[in-house]
């Protein structure tokens, strides 16, 4: 309840201050945020973090797949590309490929 009250009071204060600041202040904040997002240093940092995050996720998926082995259900294996590649091409009940 305490957190809910804090959130509601923060939202109310933000609304009042935002309403008083007006459209000009909004435009100024928007332009500042745009300039920040288009800064080459910020873009490089975001791209680097994204690349590192994907590499970490791939490594974690591989580790999970190695630990879980064949215990994962097919519904999970079909959704994770790394697991699909490890299991080989899927075959239907007649022995033909689904690809």
Protein backbone atom coordinates (compact mmCIF):
# COMPACT_ATOMS: atom_id res chain seq x y z
CA UNK A 1 0.00 0.00 0.00
CA UNK A 2 2.88 2.32 0.82
CA UNK A 3 4.40 1.90 -2.64
CA UNK A 4 1.07 2.45 -4.33
CA UNK A 5 0.56 5.68 -2.40
CA UNK A 6 4.08 6.82 -3.30
CA UNK A 7 3.47 6.06 -6.97
CA UNK A 8 0.13 7.88 -7.04
CA UNK A 9 1.54 10.94 -5.29
CA UNK A 10 4.53 10.99 -7.69
CA UNK A 11 2.23 10.74 -10.68
CA UNK A 12 0.08 13.56 -9.35
CA UNK A 13 3.07 15.83 -8.77
CA UNK A 14 4.41 15.01 -12.22
CA UNK A 15 1.08 15.79 -13.81
CA UNK A 16 0.77 19.14 -12.04
CA UNK A 17 4.32 20.18 -12.85
CA UNK A 18 3.95 19.00 -16.44
CA UNK A 19 0.73 20.92 -16.87
CA UNK A 20 2.33 24.08 -15.55
CA UNK A 21 5.42 23.75 -17.73
CA UNK A 22 3.36 23.69 -20.91
CA UNK A 23 4.05 22.71 -24.46
CA UNK A 24 7.26 24.74 -24.82
CA UNK A 25 8.97 22.88 -22.00
CA UNK A 26 7.77 19.57 -23.42
CA UNK A 27 9.29 20.39 -26.81
CA UNK A 28 12.53 21.43 -25.15
CA UNK A 29 12.75 18.15 -23.23
CA UNK A 30 11.89 16.15 -26.35
CA UNK A 31 14.62 17.84 -28.40
CA UNK A 32 17.17 17.28 -25.64
CA UNK A 33 16.26 13.60 -25.45
CA UNK A 34 16.51 13.31 -29.24
CA UNK A 35 19.97 14.89 -29.28
CA UNK A 36 21.07 12.55 -26.51
CA UNK A 37 19.78 9.48 -28.35
CA UNK A 38 21.48 10.55 -31.60
CA UNK A 39 24.85 11.17 -29.95
CA UNK A 40 27.42 8.80 -31.56
CA UNK A 41 28.93 7.86 -28.19
CA UNK A 42 25.53 6.90 -26.82
CA UNK A 43 24.63 4.95 -29.96
CA UNK A 44 27.95 3.04 -29.86
CA UNK A 45 27.44 2.19 -26.20
CA UNK A 46 23.90 0.97 -26.82
CA UNK A 47 25.02 -1.13 -29.79
CA UNK A 48 27.88 -2.61 -27.80
CA UNK A 49 25.59 -3.46 -24.89
CA UNK A 50 23.11 -5.02 -27.29
CA UNK A 51 25.79 -7.16 -28.94
CA UNK A 52 27.19 -8.27 -25.58
CA UNK A 53 23.70 -9.08 -24.35
CA UNK A 54 22.95 -11.24 -27.38
CA UNK A 55 26.27 -13.08 -26.98
CA UNK A 56 25.56 -13.68 -23.31
CA UNK A 57 22.05 -14.92 -24.10
CA UNK A 58 23.40 -17.34 -26.71
CA UNK A 59 25.98 -18.64 -24.26
CA UNK A 60 23.35 -19.03 -21.54
CA UNK A 61 21.01 -20.84 -23.94
CA UNK A 62 23.81 -23.22 -24.89
CA UNK A 63 24.63 -23.88 -21.25
CA UNK A 64 20.98 -24.46 -20.44
CA UNK A 65 20.58 -26.82 -23.39
CA UNK A 66 23.64 -28.80 -22.35
CA UNK A 67 22.38 -29.12 -18.77
CA UNK A 68 18.77 -29.86 -19.67
CA UNK A 69 19.60 -32.33 -22.43
CA UNK A 70 16.62 -34.19 -23.79
CA UNK A 71 14.38 -33.23 -20.85
CA UNK A 72 13.08 -30.11 -22.58
CA UNK A 73 9.65 -30.46 -24.18
CA UNK A 74 9.33 -30.10 -27.95
CA UNK A 75 7.38 -26.86 -27.55
CA UNK A 76 10.46 -25.23 -26.01
CA UNK A 77 12.89 -26.82 -28.45
CA UNK A 78 10.89 -25.53 -31.42
CA UNK A 79 10.99 -21.92 -30.17
CA UNK A 80 14.71 -21.66 -29.39
CA UNK A 81 16.84 -21.48 -32.56
CA UNK A 82 19.94 -22.87 -30.86
CA UNK A 83 18.05 -25.98 -29.79
CA UNK A 84 16.51 -26.46 -33.23
CA UNK A 85 19.96 -26.44 -34.82
CA UNK A 86 21.25 -28.99 -32.34
CA UNK A 87 18.38 -31.41 -32.82
CA UNK A 88 18.66 -31.46 -36.62
CA UNK A 89 15.83 -31.21 -39.12
CA UNK A 90 12.41 -32.05 -37.78
CA UNK A 91 10.66 -35.06 -39.30
CA UNK A 92 7.01 -35.98 -39.35
CA UNK A 93 5.56 -39.43 -38.62
CA UNK A 94 6.32 -40.64 -42.21
CA UNK A 95 10.02 -39.84 -41.91
CA UNK A 96 10.03 -36.83 -44.26
CA UNK A 97 11.43 -33.43 -43.50
CA UNK A 98 9.13 -30.55 -42.53
CA UNK A 99 11.33 -27.90 -44.13
